[in-house]
């Protein structure tokens, strides 16, 4: 019984991990599309191409450097338009 429980727990963990990787990959694709100059950061001008991101830019820019990096972007819930 303990082995089955362990296998089920491991399977659930792997499913969760794969889901996170898929979401991160989707976020990366959206980020790369928005990052028009390819420098790894989103400026407000680049963010303006997405209404949700433009509206959340100031809150998403956690370190207030005027840029959104990938880590900051992944914390935002942005609809890909």
Protein backbone atom coordinates (compact mmCIF):
# COMPACT_ATOMS: atom_id res chain seq x y z
CA UNK A 1 0.00 0.00 0.00
CA UNK A 2 2.83 2.42 0.82
CA UNK A 3 4.45 1.78 -2.55
CA UNK A 4 1.25 2.65 -4.42
CA UNK A 5 0.85 5.81 -2.40
CA UNK A 6 4.46 6.77 -3.12
CA UNK A 7 4.05 6.10 -6.83
CA UNK A 8 0.84 8.13 -6.93
CA UNK A 9 2.52 11.01 -5.10
CA UNK A 10 5.49 10.91 -7.48
CA UNK A 11 3.17 10.87 -10.49
CA UNK A 12 1.22 13.86 -9.14
CA UNK A 13 4.49 15.72 -8.53
CA UNK A 14 5.68 15.06 -12.09
CA UNK A 15 2.36 16.16 -13.58
CA UNK A 16 2.56 19.40 -11.59
CA UNK A 17 6.15 19.93 -12.70
CA UNK A 18 5.28 19.38 -16.37
CA UNK A 19 2.38 21.83 -16.05
CA UNK A 20 4.71 24.47 -14.62
CA UNK A 21 7.22 23.92 -17.42
CA UNK A 22 4.46 24.25 -20.03
CA UNK A 23 3.23 27.49 -18.46
CA UNK A 24 6.77 28.87 -18.24
CA UNK A 25 7.32 27.98 -21.89
CA UNK A 26 4.09 29.75 -22.88
CA UNK A 27 5.11 32.78 -20.82
CA UNK A 28 8.53 32.79 -22.49
CA UNK A 29 6.97 32.77 -25.96
CA UNK A 30 4.68 35.69 -25.13
CA UNK A 31 7.56 37.56 -23.48
CA UNK A 32 9.81 37.04 -26.51
CA UNK A 33 7.08 38.25 -28.87
CA UNK A 34 6.56 41.41 -26.80
CA UNK A 35 10.32 42.03 -26.38
CA UNK A 36 10.69 43.70 -29.75
CA UNK A 37 14.38 44.57 -29.41
CA UNK A 38 15.29 41.18 -27.89
CA UNK A 39 17.20 42.61 -24.93
CA UNK A 40 15.42 40.42 -22.34
CA UNK A 41 13.42 43.28 -20.85
CA UNK A 42 10.08 44.88 -21.66
CA UNK A 43 9.89 48.65 -21.75
CA UNK A 44 6.59 50.45 -21.30
CA UNK A 45 6.60 51.17 -25.03
CA UNK A 46 6.86 47.44 -25.78
CA UNK A 47 4.22 46.70 -23.15
CA UNK A 48 1.78 49.09 -24.80
CA UNK A 49 1.16 46.48 -27.51
CA UNK A 50 -0.78 44.48 -24.89
CA UNK A 51 -3.55 46.31 -23.01
CA UNK A 52 -3.36 44.04 -19.95
CA UNK A 53 0.40 44.42 -19.64
CA UNK A 54 0.30 48.18 -20.19
CA UNK A 55 -2.27 48.51 -17.40
CA UNK A 56 -0.24 46.34 -15.03
CA UNK A 57 3.20 47.67 -15.95
CA UNK A 58 3.83 49.83 -12.88
CA UNK A 59 2.68 47.12 -10.47
CA UNK A 60 4.60 44.44 -12.37
CA UNK A 61 7.83 46.45 -12.32
CA UNK A 62 8.68 45.32 -8.79
CA UNK A 63 12.13 46.94 -8.63
CA UNK A 64 10.85 50.14 -10.31
CA UNK A 65 13.63 50.22 -12.90
CA UNK A 66 11.25 51.03 -15.73
CA UNK A 67 11.60 47.54 -17.20
CA UNK A 68 9.85 44.20 -16.78
CA UNK A 69 12.14 41.18 -16.78
CA UNK A 70 11.03 37.57 -17.24
CA UNK A 71 10.70 36.90 -13.50
CA UNK A 72 8.46 39.95 -13.07
CA UNK A 73 6.48 39.03 -16.19
CA UNK A 74 5.79 35.50 -14.97
CA UNK A 75 4.16 36.88 -11.82
CA UNK A 76 1.67 38.85 -13.90
CA UNK A 77 -1.49 37.32 -15.32
CA UNK A 78 -1.55 38.70 -18.84
CA UNK A 79 -3.88 37.65 -21.63
CA UNK A 80 -1.98 37.01 -24.84
CA UNK A 81 -3.66 39.26 -27.39
